[in-house]
Amino acid sequence: MSEVTTNSGEQGSQQNGQTIIVNQVEQASNGVGTAGFVLALLAVFLGWIPVFGWILWVLGLVLSSVGLFKSPKGLAITGFILSVVDLILLLTVFGTIAAMFGLGL
């Protein structure tokens, strides 16, 4: 049986053992970008609801824009693009409706 050195300064024989190095990789996530993507996706499908769809669109655009400054950027970029596409769709639909009422069709 071998003796080991204790913290109190007692001397003993050398300790035999292995050094184990554990390398844990942190999985980075971008919660703000993910939330922006989800809200932008919901806004694409619910954008026709006058107030609710617009609120979803604005929140999706803002959260995706903030998420662009964090890593990883994948869902934040997708949410931002969806928000821009949704803006074009909203302007087209409501512009067409406004033009129809303006022309008396």
PDB file of N, CA and C in Angstrom:
ATOM      1  N   MET A   1       0.847  -1.159   0.000  1.00  0.00           N
ATOM      2  CA  MET A   1       0.000   0.000   0.000  1.00  0.00           C
ATOM      3  C   MET A   1       0.896   1.225   0.000  1.00  0.00           C
ATOM      4  N   SER A   2       0.543   2.233  -0.794  1.00  0.00           N
ATOM      5  CA  SER A   2       1.391   3.419  -0.875  1.00  0.00           C
ATOM      6  C   SER A   2       0.787   4.538  -0.050  1.00  0.00           C
ATOM      7  N   GLU A   3       1.672   5.390   0.420  1.00  0.00           N
ATOM      8  CA  GLU A   3       1.235   6.527   1.214  1.00  0.00           C
ATOM      9  C   GLU A   3       1.149   7.742   0.309  1.00  0.00           C
ATOM     10  N   VAL A   4       0.311   8.675   0.642  1.00  0.00           N
ATOM     11  CA  VAL A   4       0.145   9.892  -0.151  1.00  0.00           C
ATOM     12  C   VAL A   4       0.442  11.093   0.715  1.00  0.00           C
ATOM     13  N   THR A   5       0.746  12.192   0.089  1.00  0.00           N
ATOM     14  CA  THR A   5       0.996  13.436   0.806  1.00  0.00           C
ATOM     15  C   THR A   5      -0.345  14.076   1.133  1.00  0.00           C
ATOM     16  N   THR A   6      -0.523  14.451   2.353  1.00  0.00           N
ATOM     17  CA  THR A   6      -1.773  15.095   2.754  1.00  0.00           C
ATOM     18  C   THR A   6      -1.581  16.596   2.781  1.00  0.00           C
ATOM     19  N   ASN A   7      -2.665  17.313   2.949  1.00  0.00           N
ATOM     20  CA  ASN A   7      -2.620  18.771   2.969  1.00  0.00           C
ATOM     21  C   ASN A   7      -1.904  19.325   4.187  1.00  0.00           C
ATOM     22  N   SER A   8      -1.764  18.528   5.207  1.00  0.00           N
ATOM     23  CA  SER A   8      -1.143  19.027   6.431  1.00  0.00           C
ATOM     24  C   SER A   8       0.376  19.023   6.341  1.00  0.00           C
ATOM     25  N   GLY A   9       0.931  18.600   5.234  1.00  0.00           N
ATOM     26  CA  GLY A   9       2.363  18.651   5.047  1.00  0.00           C
ATOM     27  C   GLY A   9       3.075  17.349   5.330  1.00  0.00           C
ATOM     28  N   GLU A  10       2.381  16.288   5.687  1.00  0.00           N
ATOM     29  CA  GLU A  10       3.019  15.002   5.919  1.00  0.00           C
ATOM     30  C   GLU A  10       3.521  14.464   4.593  1.00  0.00           C
ATOM     31  N   GLN A  11       4.678  13.840   4.636  1.00  0.00           N
ATOM     32  CA  GLN A  11       5.252  13.317   3.416  1.00  0.00           C
ATOM     33  C   GLN A  11       4.976  11.839   3.310  1.00  0.00           C
ATOM     34  N   GLY A  12       4.815  11.382   2.090  1.00  0.00           N
ATOM     35  CA  GLY A  12       4.606   9.967   1.849  1.00  0.00           C
ATOM     36  C   GLY A  12       5.176   9.629   0.488  1.00  0.00           C
ATOM     37  N   SER A  13       4.859   8.482   0.003  1.00  0.00           N
ATOM     38  CA  SER A  13       5.362   8.111  -1.315  1.00  0.00           C
ATOM     39  C   SER A  13       4.501   8.760  -2.399  1.00  0.00           C
ATOM     40  N   GLN A  14       5.003   8.702  -3.613  1.00  0.00           N
ATOM     41  CA  GLN A  14       4.362   9.380  -4.748  1.00  0.00           C
ATOM     42  C   GLN A  14       3.023   8.730  -5.103  1.00  0.00           C
ATOM     43  N   GLN A  15       2.038   9.565  -5.463  1.00  0.00           N
ATOM     44  CA  GLN A  15       0.692   9.069  -5.791  1.00  0.00           C
ATOM     45  C   GLN A  15       0.646   8.641  -7.251  1.00  0.00           C
ATOM     46  N   ASN A  16       0.102   7.465  -7.505  1.00  0.00           N
ATOM     47  CA  ASN A  16      -0.061   6.972  -8.872  1.00  0.00           C
ATOM     48  C   ASN A  16      -1.478   7.269  -9.330  1.00  0.00           C
ATOM     49  N   GLY A  17      -1.619   7.796 -10.515  1.00  0.00           N
ATOM     50  CA  GLY A  17      -2.960   8.073 -11.015  1.00  0.00           C
ATOM     51  C   GLY A  17      -2.912   8.656 -12.411  1.00  0.00           C
ATOM     52  N   GLN A  18      -4.051   8.866 -12.962  1.00  0.00           N
ATOM     53  CA  GLN A  18      -4.158   9.421 -14.298  1.00  0.00           C
ATOM     54  C   GLN A  18      -4.745  10.816 -14.230  1.00  0.00           C
ATOM     55  N   THR A  19      -4.318  11.637 -15.153  1.00  0.00           N
ATOM     56  CA  THR A  19      -4.930  12.949 -15.311  1.00  0.00           C
ATOM     57  C   THR A  19      -5.952  12.838 -16.430  1.00  0.00           C
ATOM     58  N   ILE A  20      -7.165  13.165 -16.124  1.00  0.00           N
ATOM     59  CA  ILE A  20      -8.241  13.090 -17.110  1.00  0.00           C
ATOM     60  C   ILE A  20      -8.676  14.502 -17.443  1.00  0.00           C
ATOM     61  N   ILE A  21      -8.616  14.816 -18.722  1.00  0.00           N
ATOM     62  CA  ILE A  21      -9.043  16.135 -19.187  1.00  0.00           C
ATOM     63  C   ILE A  21     -10.365  15.955 -19.914  1.00  0.00           C
ATOM     64  N   VAL A  22     -11.363  16.649 -19.436  1.00  0.00           N
ATOM     65  CA  VAL A  22     -12.685  16.581 -20.048  1.00  0.00           C
ATOM     66  C   VAL A  22     -12.915  17.884 -20.802  1.00  0.00           C
ATOM     67  N   ASN A  23     -13.118  17.768 -22.084  1.00  0.00           N
ATOM     68  CA  ASN A  23     -13.354  18.938 -22.923  1.00  0.00           C
ATOM     69  C   ASN A  23     -14.841  18.982 -23.272  1.00  0.00           C
ATOM     70  N   GLN A  24     -15.564  19.862 -22.613  1.00  0.00           N
ATOM     71  CA  GLN A  24     -16.989  19.999 -22.885  1.00  0.00           C
ATOM     72  C   GLN A  24     -17.201  21.204 -23.794  1.00  0.00           C
ATOM     73  N   VAL A  25     -17.865  20.955 -24.887  1.00  0.00           N
ATOM     74  CA  VAL A  25     -18.150  22.018 -25.842  1.00  0.00           C
ATOM     75  C   VAL A  25     -19.516  22.600 -25.515  1.00  0.00           C
ATOM     76  N   GLU A  26     -19.555  23.905 -25.326  1.00  0.00           N
ATOM     77  CA  GLU A  26     -20.843  24.560 -25.076  1.00  0.00           C
ATOM     78  C   GLU A  26     -21.569  24.757 -26.396  1.00  0.00           C
ATOM     79  N   GLN A  27     -22.826  24.408 -26.396  1.00  0.00           N
ATOM     80  CA  GLN A  27     -23.620  24.637 -27.592  1.00  0.00           C
ATOM     81  C   GLN A  27     -24.217  26.023 -27.494  1.00  0.00           C
ATOM     82  N   ALA A  28     -23.772  26.868 -28.379  1.00  0.00           N
ATOM     83  CA  ALA A  28     -24.240  28.248 -28.366  1.00  0.00           C
ATOM     84  C   ALA A  28     -25.643  28.307 -28.966  1.00  0.00           C
ATOM     85  N   SER A  29     -26.462  29.163 -28.400  1.00  0.00           N
ATOM     86  CA  SER A  29     -27.797  29.371 -28.936  1.00  0.00           C
ATOM     87  C   SER A  29     -28.099  30.861 -28.930  1.00  0.00           C
ATOM     88  N   ASN A  30     -28.971  31.237 -29.812  1.00  0.00           N
ATOM     89  CA  ASN A  30     -29.361  32.633 -29.941  1.00  0.00           C
ATOM     90  C   ASN A  30     -30.866  32.704 -29.693  1.00  0.00           C
ATOM     91  N   GLY A  31     -31.249  32.832 -28.434  1.00  0.00           N
ATOM     92  CA  GLY A  31     -32.661  32.827 -28.074  1.00  0.00           C
ATOM     93  C   GLY A  31     -33.435  33.989 -28.665  1.00  0.00           C
ATOM     94  N   VAL A  32     -32.797  35.151 -28.743  1.00  0.00           N
ATOM     95  CA  VAL A  32     -33.474  36.327 -29.302  1.00  0.00           C
ATOM     96  C   VAL A  32     -33.719  36.126 -30.792  1.00  0.00           C
ATOM     97  N   GLY A  33     -32.729  35.597 -31.502  1.00  0.00           N
ATOM     98  CA  GLY A  33     -32.895  35.332 -32.932  1.00  0.00           C
ATOM     99  C   GLY A  33     -33.942  34.265 -33.203  1.00  0.00           C
ATOM    100  N   THR A  34     -33.978  33.250 -32.347  1.00  0.00           N
ATOM    101  CA  THR A  34     -34.982  32.191 -32.490  1.00  0.00           C
ATOM    102  C   THR A  34     -36.385  32.744 -32.244  1.00  0.00           C
ATOM    103  N   ALA A  35     -36.531  33.583 -31.218  1.00  0.00           N
ATOM    104  CA  ALA A  35     -37.838  34.194 -30.941  1.00  0.00           C
ATOM    105  C   ALA A  35     -38.265  35.097 -32.095  1.00  0.00           C
ATOM    106  N   GLY A  36     -37.327  35.841 -32.664  1.00  0.00           N
ATOM    107  CA  GLY A  36     -37.637  36.698 -33.811  1.00  0.00           C
ATOM    108  C   GLY A  36     -38.084  35.883 -35.012  1.00  0.00           C
ATOM    109  N   PHE A  37     -37.422  34.744 -35.236  1.00  0.00           N
ATOM    110  CA  PHE A  37     -37.810  33.871 -36.341  1.00  0.00           C
ATOM    111  C   PHE A  37     -39.220  33.332 -36.154  1.00  0.00           C
ATOM    112  N   VAL A  38     -39.521  32.864 -34.948  1.00  0.00           N
ATOM    113  CA  VAL A  38     -40.850  32.295 -34.674  1.00  0.00           C
ATOM    114  C   VAL A  38     -41.931  33.356 -34.856  1.00  0.00           C
ATOM    115  N   LEU A  39     -41.693  34.553 -34.337  1.00  0.00           N
ATOM    116  CA  LEU A  39     -42.694  35.619 -34.477  1.00  0.00           C
ATOM    117  C   LEU A  39     -42.837  36.065 -35.934  1.00  0.00           C
ATOM    118  N   ALA A  40     -41.741  36.107 -36.666  1.00  0.00           N
ATOM    119  CA  ALA A  40     -41.823  36.469 -38.087  1.00  0.00           C
ATOM    120  C   ALA A  40     -42.577  35.407 -38.879  1.00  0.00           C
ATOM    121  N   LEU A  41     -42.360  34.141 -38.528  1.00  0.00           N
ATOM    122  CA  LEU A  41     -43.077  33.060 -39.204  1.00  0.00           C
ATOM    123  C   LEU A  41     -44.569  33.119 -38.901  1.00  0.00           C
ATOM    124  N   LEU A  42     -44.914  33.382 -37.655  1.00  0.00           N
ATOM    125  CA  LEU A  42     -46.322  33.540 -37.303  1.00  0.00           C
ATOM    126  C   LEU A  42     -46.938  34.742 -38.009  1.00  0.00           C
ATOM    127  N   ALA A  43     -46.166  35.803 -38.167  1.00  0.00           N
ATOM    128  CA  ALA A  43     -46.681  37.011 -38.826  1.00  0.00           C
ATOM    129  C   ALA A  43     -46.966  36.761 -40.301  1.00  0.00           C
ATOM    130  N   VAL A  44     -46.200  35.864 -40.926  1.00  0.00           N
ATOM    131  CA  VAL A  44     -46.464  35.542 -42.338  1.00  0.00           C
ATOM    132  C   VAL A  44     -47.847  34.921 -42.485  1.00  0.00           C
ATOM    133  N   PHE A  45     -48.195  34.050 -41.537  1.00  0.00           N
ATOM    134  CA  PHE A  45     -49.486  33.364 -41.634  1.00  0.00           C
ATOM    135  C   PHE A  45     -50.637  34.146 -41.002  1.00  0.00           C
ATOM    136  N   LEU A  46     -50.343  34.997 -40.020  1.00  0.00           N
ATOM    137  CA  LEU A  46     -51.396  35.733 -39.325  1.00  0.00           C
ATOM    138  C   LEU A  46     -51.352  37.235 -39.609  1.00  0.00           C
ATOM    139  N   GLY A  47     -50.623  37.628 -40.637  1.00  0.00           N
ATOM    140  CA  GLY A  47     -50.483  39.047 -40.958  1.00  0.00           C
ATOM    141  C   GLY A  47     -51.767  39.701 -41.441  1.00  0.00           C
ATOM    142  N   TRP A  48     -52.715  38.909 -41.869  1.00  0.00           N
ATOM    143  CA  TRP A  48     -53.978  39.467 -42.355  1.00  0.00           C
ATOM    144  C   TRP A  48     -54.872  39.954 -41.224  1.00  0.00           C
ATOM    145  N   ILE A  49     -54.601  39.545 -39.991  1.00  0.00           N
ATOM    146  CA  ILE A  49     -55.361  40.039 -38.839  1.00  0.00           C
ATOM    147  C   ILE A  49     -54.830  41.441 -38.533  1.00  0.00           C
ATOM    148  N   PRO A  50     -55.667  42.464 -38.617  1.00  0.00           N
ATOM    149  CA  PRO A  50     -55.173  43.841 -38.611  1.00  0.00           C
ATOM    150  C   PRO A  50     -54.203  44.221 -37.500  1.00  0.00           C
ATOM    151  N   VAL A  51     -54.499  44.089 -36.263  1.00  0.00           N
ATOM    152  CA  VAL A  51     -53.594  44.578 -35.223  1.00  0.00           C
ATOM    153  C   VAL A  51     -52.644  43.474 -34.760  1.00  0.00           C
ATOM    154  N   PHE A  52     -53.151  42.276 -34.556  1.00  0.00           N
ATOM    155  CA  PHE A  52     -52.345  41.163 -34.046  1.00  0.00           C
ATOM    156  C   PHE A  52     -51.199  40.822 -34.996  1.00  0.00           C
ATOM    157  N   GLY A  53     -51.489  40.746 -36.279  1.00  0.00           N
ATOM    158  CA  GLY A  53     -50.466  40.429 -37.278  1.00  0.00           C
ATOM    159  C   GLY A  53     -49.389  41.491 -37.355  1.00  0.00           C
ATOM    160  N   TRP A  54     -49.782  42.756 -37.202  1.00  0.00           N
ATOM    161  CA  TRP A  54     -48.795  43.838 -37.267  1.00  0.00           C
ATOM    162  C   TRP A  54     -47.886  43.818 -36.049  1.00  0.00           C
ATOM    163  N   ILE A  55     -48.461  43.526 -34.894  1.00  0.00           N
ATOM    164  CA  ILE A  55     -47.651  43.440 -33.675  1.00  0.00           C
ATOM    165  C   ILE A  55     -46.653  42.293 -33.790  1.00  0.00           C
ATOM    166  N   LEU A  56     -47.122  41.148 -34.301  1.00  0.00           N
ATOM    167  CA  LEU A  56     -46.210  40.019 -34.507  1.00  0.00           C
ATOM    168  C   LEU A  56     -45.102  40.395 -35.479  1.00  0.00           C
ATOM    169  N   TRP A  57     -45.463  41.094 -36.544  1.00  0.00           N
ATOM    170  CA  TRP A  57     -44.475  41.483 -37.534  1.00  0.00           C
ATOM    171  C   TRP A  57     -43.421  42.406 -36.929  1.00  0.00           C
ATOM    172  N   VAL A  58     -43.853  43.423 -36.192  1.00  0.00           N
ATOM    173  CA  VAL A  58     -42.910  44.378 -35.600  1.00  0.00           C
ATOM    174  C   VAL A  58     -42.010  43.674 -34.592  1.00  0.00           C
ATOM    175  N   LEU A  59     -42.587  42.839 -33.729  1.00  0.00           N
ATOM    176  CA  LEU A  59     -41.769  42.120 -32.746  1.00  0.00           C
ATOM    177  C   LEU A  59     -40.788  41.162 -33.420  1.00  0.00           C
ATOM    178  N   GLY A  60     -41.231  40.489 -34.461  1.00  0.00           N
ATOM    179  CA  GLY A  60     -40.340  39.592 -35.196  1.00  0.00           C
ATOM    180  C   GLY A  60     -39.199  40.337 -35.850  1.00  0.00           C
ATOM    181  N   LEU A  61     -39.497  41.503 -36.415  1.00  0.00           N
ATOM    182  CA  LEU A  61     -38.453  42.316 -37.054  1.00  0.00           C
ATOM    183  C   LEU A  61     -37.453  42.826 -36.023  1.00  0.00           C
ATOM    184  N   VAL A  62     -37.942  43.320 -34.902  1.00  0.00           N
ATOM    185  CA  VAL A  62     -37.059  43.869 -33.869  1.00  0.00           C
ATOM    186  C   VAL A  62     -36.190  42.777 -33.253  1.00  0.00           C
ATOM    187  N   LEU A  63     -36.800  41.657 -32.862  1.00  0.00           N
ATOM    188  CA  LEU A  63     -36.033  40.589 -32.231  1.00  0.00           C
ATOM    189  C   LEU A  63     -35.037  39.947 -33.200  1.00  0.00           C
ATOM    190  N   SER A  64     -35.420  39.809 -34.449  1.00  0.00           N
ATOM    191  CA  SER A  64     -34.485  39.268 -35.437  1.00  0.00           C
ATOM    192  C   SER A  64     -33.328  40.228 -35.669  1.00  0.00           C
ATOM    193  N   SER A  65     -33.614  41.526 -35.683  1.00  0.00           N
ATOM    194  CA  SER A  65     -32.553  42.517 -35.857  1.00  0.00           C
ATOM    195  C   SER A  65     -31.569  42.486 -34.687  1.00  0.00           C
ATOM    196  N   VAL A  66     -32.080  42.363 -33.478  1.00  0.00           N
ATOM    197  CA  VAL A  66     -31.208  42.260 -32.308  1.00  0.00           C
ATOM    198  C   VAL A  66     -30.414  40.952 -32.355  1.00  0.00           C
ATOM    199  N   GLY A  67     -31.036  39.889 -32.798  1.00  0.00           N
ATOM    200  CA  GLY A  67     -30.382  38.591 -32.881  1.00  0.00           C
ATOM    201  C   GLY A  67     -29.272  38.534 -33.912  1.00  0.00           C
ATOM    202  N   LEU A  68     -29.270  39.475 -34.869  1.00  0.00           N
ATOM    203  CA  LEU A  68     -28.202  39.508 -35.869  1.00  0.00           C
ATOM    204  C   LEU A  68     -26.846  39.833 -35.252  1.00  0.00           C
ATOM    205  N   PHE A  69     -26.829  40.435 -34.070  1.00  0.00           N
ATOM    206  CA  PHE A  69     -25.578  40.818 -33.426  1.00  0.00           C
ATOM    207  C   PHE A  69     -25.062  39.754 -32.474  1.00  0.00           C
ATOM    208  N   LYS A  70     -25.744  38.611 -32.406  1.00  0.00           N
ATOM    209  CA  LYS A  70     -25.323  37.510 -31.542  1.00  0.00           C
ATOM    210  C   LYS A  70     -25.003  36.303 -32.415  1.00  0.00           C
ATOM    211  N   SER A  71     -24.316  35.352 -31.827  1.00  0.00           N
ATOM    212  CA  SER A  71     -23.931  34.163 -32.575  1.00  0.00           C
ATOM    213  C   SER A  71     -24.659  32.960 -31.996  1.00  0.00           C
ATOM    214  N   PRO A  72     -25.111  32.013 -32.752  1.00  0.00           N
ATOM    215  CA  PRO A  72     -25.174  31.864 -34.202  1.00  0.00           C
ATOM    216  C   PRO A  72     -26.282  32.719 -34.806  1.00  0.00           C
ATOM    217  N   LYS A  73     -26.105  33.091 -36.058  1.00  0.00           N
ATOM    218  CA  LYS A  73     -26.988  34.067 -36.686  1.00  0.00           C
ATOM    219  C   LYS A  73     -28.017  33.466 -37.626  1.00  0.00           C
ATOM    220  N   GLY A  74     -28.036  32.164 -37.813  1.00  0.00           N
ATOM    221  CA  GLY A  74     -28.877  31.533 -38.827  1.00  0.00           C
ATOM    222  C   GLY A  74     -30.353  31.860 -38.727  1.00  0.00           C
ATOM    223  N   LEU A  75     -30.963  31.603 -37.580  1.00  0.00           N
ATOM    224  CA  LEU A  75     -32.397  31.863 -37.443  1.00  0.00           C
ATOM    225  C   LEU A  75     -32.692  33.354 -37.388  1.00  0.00           C
ATOM    226  N   ALA A  76     -31.759  34.154 -36.896  1.00  0.00           N
ATOM    227  CA  ALA A  76     -31.970  35.602 -36.865  1.00  0.00           C
ATOM    228  C   ALA A  76     -32.008  36.160 -38.288  1.00  0.00           C
ATOM    229  N   ILE A  77     -31.124  35.684 -39.155  1.00  0.00           N
ATOM    230  CA  ILE A  77     -31.124  36.126 -40.556  1.00  0.00           C
ATOM    231  C   ILE A  77     -32.413  35.697 -41.241  1.00  0.00           C
ATOM    232  N   THR A  78     -32.821  34.458 -41.004  1.00  0.00           N
ATOM    233  CA  THR A  78     -34.058  33.951 -41.600  1.00  0.00           C
ATOM    234  C   THR A  78     -35.272  34.740 -41.105  1.00  0.00           C
ATOM    235  N   GLY A  79     -35.313  35.046 -39.811  1.00  0.00           N
ATOM    236  CA  GLY A  79     -36.412  35.838 -39.260  1.00  0.00           C
ATOM    237  C   GLY A  79     -36.437  37.242 -39.829  1.00  0.00           C
ATOM    238  N   PHE A  80     -35.266  37.834 -40.034  1.00  0.00           N
ATOM    239  CA  PHE A  80     -35.210  39.177 -40.612  1.00  0.00           C
ATOM    240  C   PHE A  80     -35.717  39.172 -42.057  1.00  0.00           C
ATOM    241  N   ILE A  81     -35.293  38.179 -42.835  1.00  0.00           N
ATOM    242  CA  ILE A  81     -35.754  38.075 -44.223  1.00  0.00           C
ATOM    243  C   ILE A  81     -37.260  37.826 -44.282  1.00  0.00           C
ATOM    244  N   LEU A  82     -37.763  36.951 -43.397  1.00  0.00           N
ATOM    245  CA  LEU A  82     -39.210  36.712 -43.346  1.00  0.00           C
ATOM    246  C   LEU A  82     -39.975  37.986 -42.983  1.00  0.00           C
ATOM    247  N   SER A  83     -39.414  38.789 -42.084  1.00  0.00           N
ATOM    248  CA  SER A  83     -40.065  40.036 -41.698  1.00  0.00           C
ATOM    249  C   SER A  83     -40.131  41.011 -42.866  1.00  0.00           C
ATOM    250  N   VAL A  84     -39.078  41.081 -43.653  1.00  0.00           N
ATOM    251  CA  VAL A  84     -39.068  41.973 -44.823  1.00  0.00           C
ATOM    252  C   VAL A  84     -40.066  41.478 -45.868  1.00  0.00           C
ATOM    253  N   VAL A  85     -40.097  40.163 -46.099  1.00  0.00           N
ATOM    254  CA  VAL A  85     -41.065  39.596 -47.049  1.00  0.00           C
ATOM    255  C   VAL A  85     -42.489  39.843 -46.557  1.00  0.00           C
ATOM    256  N   ASP A  86     -42.696  39.697 -45.253  1.00  0.00           N
ATOM    257  CA  ASP A  86     -44.020  39.934 -44.676  1.00  0.00           C
ATOM    258  C   ASP A  86     -44.425  41.394 -44.823  1.00  0.00           C
ATOM    259  N   LEU A  87     -43.479  42.297 -44.678  1.00  0.00           N
ATOM    260  CA  LEU A  87     -43.785  43.715 -44.879  1.00  0.00           C
ATOM    261  C   LEU A  87     -44.249  43.966 -46.310  1.00  0.00           C
ATOM    262  N   ILE A  88     -43.573  43.364 -47.266  1.00  0.00           N
ATOM    263  CA  ILE A  88     -43.969  43.519 -48.672  1.00  0.00           C
ATOM    264  C   ILE A  88     -45.370  42.951 -48.896  1.00  0.00           C
ATOM    265  N   LEU A  89     -45.650  41.776 -48.300  1.00  0.00           N
ATOM    266  CA  LEU A  89     -46.982  41.183 -48.432  1.00  0.00           C
ATOM    267  C   LEU A  89     -48.062  42.054 -47.785  1.00  0.00           C
ATOM    268  N   LEU A  90     -47.771  42.577 -46.591  1.00  0.00           N
ATOM    269  CA  LEU A  90     -48.750  43.435 -45.908  1.00  0.00           C
ATOM    270  C   LEU A  90     -49.036  44.699 -46.721  1.00  0.00           C
ATOM    271  N   LEU A  91     -47.996  45.327 -47.227  1.00  0.00           N
ATOM    272  CA  LEU A  91     -48.196  46.542 -48.024  1.00  0.00           C
ATOM    273  C   LEU A  91     -48.954  46.246 -49.313  1.00  0.00           C
ATOM    274  N   THR A  92     -48.673  45.115 -49.923  1.00  0.00           N
ATOM    275  CA  THR A  92     -49.374  44.753 -51.158  1.00  0.00           C
ATOM    276  C   THR A  92     -50.855  44.486 -50.903  1.00  0.00           C
ATOM    277  N   VAL A  93     -51.141  43.683 -49.879  1.00  0.00           N
ATOM    278  CA  VAL A  93     -52.535  43.326 -49.599  1.00  0.00           C
ATOM    279  C   VAL A  93     -53.343  44.555 -49.189  1.00  0.00           C
ATOM    280  N   PHE A  94     -52.827  45.318 -48.226  1.00  0.00           N
ATOM    281  CA  PHE A  94     -53.599  46.466 -47.756  1.00  0.00           C
ATOM    282  C   PHE A  94     -53.587  47.616 -48.754  1.00  0.00           C
ATOM    283  N   GLY A  95     -52.549  47.708 -49.565  1.00  0.00           N
ATOM    284  CA  GLY A  95     -52.555  48.696 -50.651  1.00  0.00           C
ATOM    285  C   GLY A  95     -53.599  48.370 -51.703  1.00  0.00           C
ATOM    286  N   THR A  96     -53.735  47.091 -52.011  1.00  0.00           N
ATOM    287  CA  THR A  96     -54.749  46.655 -52.961  1.00  0.00           C
ATOM    288  C   THR A  96     -56.151  46.899 -52.426  1.00  0.00           C
ATOM    289  N   ILE A  97     -56.356  46.612 -51.151  1.00  0.00           N
ATOM    290  CA  ILE A  97     -57.659  46.861 -50.531  1.00  0.00           C
ATOM    291  C   ILE A  97     -57.970  48.353 -50.521  1.00  0.00           C
ATOM    292  N   ALA A  98     -56.992  49.174 -50.189  1.00  0.00           N
ATOM    293  CA  ALA A  98     -57.190  50.624 -50.163  1.00  0.00           C
ATOM    294  C   ALA A  98     -57.475  51.150 -51.563  1.00  0.00           C
ATOM    295  N   ALA A  99     -56.803  50.614 -52.570  1.00  0.00           N
ATOM    296  CA  ALA A  99     -57.035  51.043 -53.948  1.00  0.00           C
ATOM    297  C   ALA A  99     -58.434  50.637 -54.404  1.00  0.00           C
ATOM    298  N   MET A 100     -58.904  49.474 -53.990  1.00  0.00           N
ATOM    299  CA  MET A 100     -60.237  49.041 -54.393  1.00  0.00           C
ATOM    300  C   MET A 100     -61.311  49.940 -53.789  1.00  0.00           C
ATOM    301  N   PHE A 101     -61.133  50.333 -52.528  1.00  0.00           N
ATOM    302  CA  PHE A 101     -62.108  51.213 -51.912  1.00  0.00           C
ATOM    303  C   PHE A 101     -61.990  52.642 -52.462  1.00  0.00           C
ATOM    304  N   GLY A 102     -60.779  53.010 -52.851  1.00  0.00           N
ATOM    305  CA  GLY A 102     -60.577  54.357 -53.394  1.00  0.00           C
ATOM    306  C   GLY A 102     -61.164  54.519 -54.783  1.00  0.00           C
ATOM    307  N   LEU A 103     -61.160  53.443 -55.568  1.00  0.00           N
ATOM    308  CA  LEU A 103     -61.669  53.500 -56.933  1.00  0.00           C
ATOM    309  C   LEU A 103     -63.159  53.151 -57.002  1.00  0.00           C
ATOM    310  N   GLY A 104     -63.698  52.679 -55.907  1.00  0.00           N
ATOM    311  CA  GLY A 104     -65.119  52.339 -55.886  1.00  0.00           C
ATOM    312  C   GLY A 104     -65.430  50.999 -56.525  1.00  0.00           C
ATOM    313  N   LEU A 105     -64.452  50.107 -56.566  1.00  0.00           N
ATOM    314  CA  LEU A 105     -64.695  48.787 -57.187  1.00  0.00           C
ATOM    315  C   LEU A 105     -65.475  47.895 -56.288  1.00  0.00           C
TER     316      LEU A 105
END
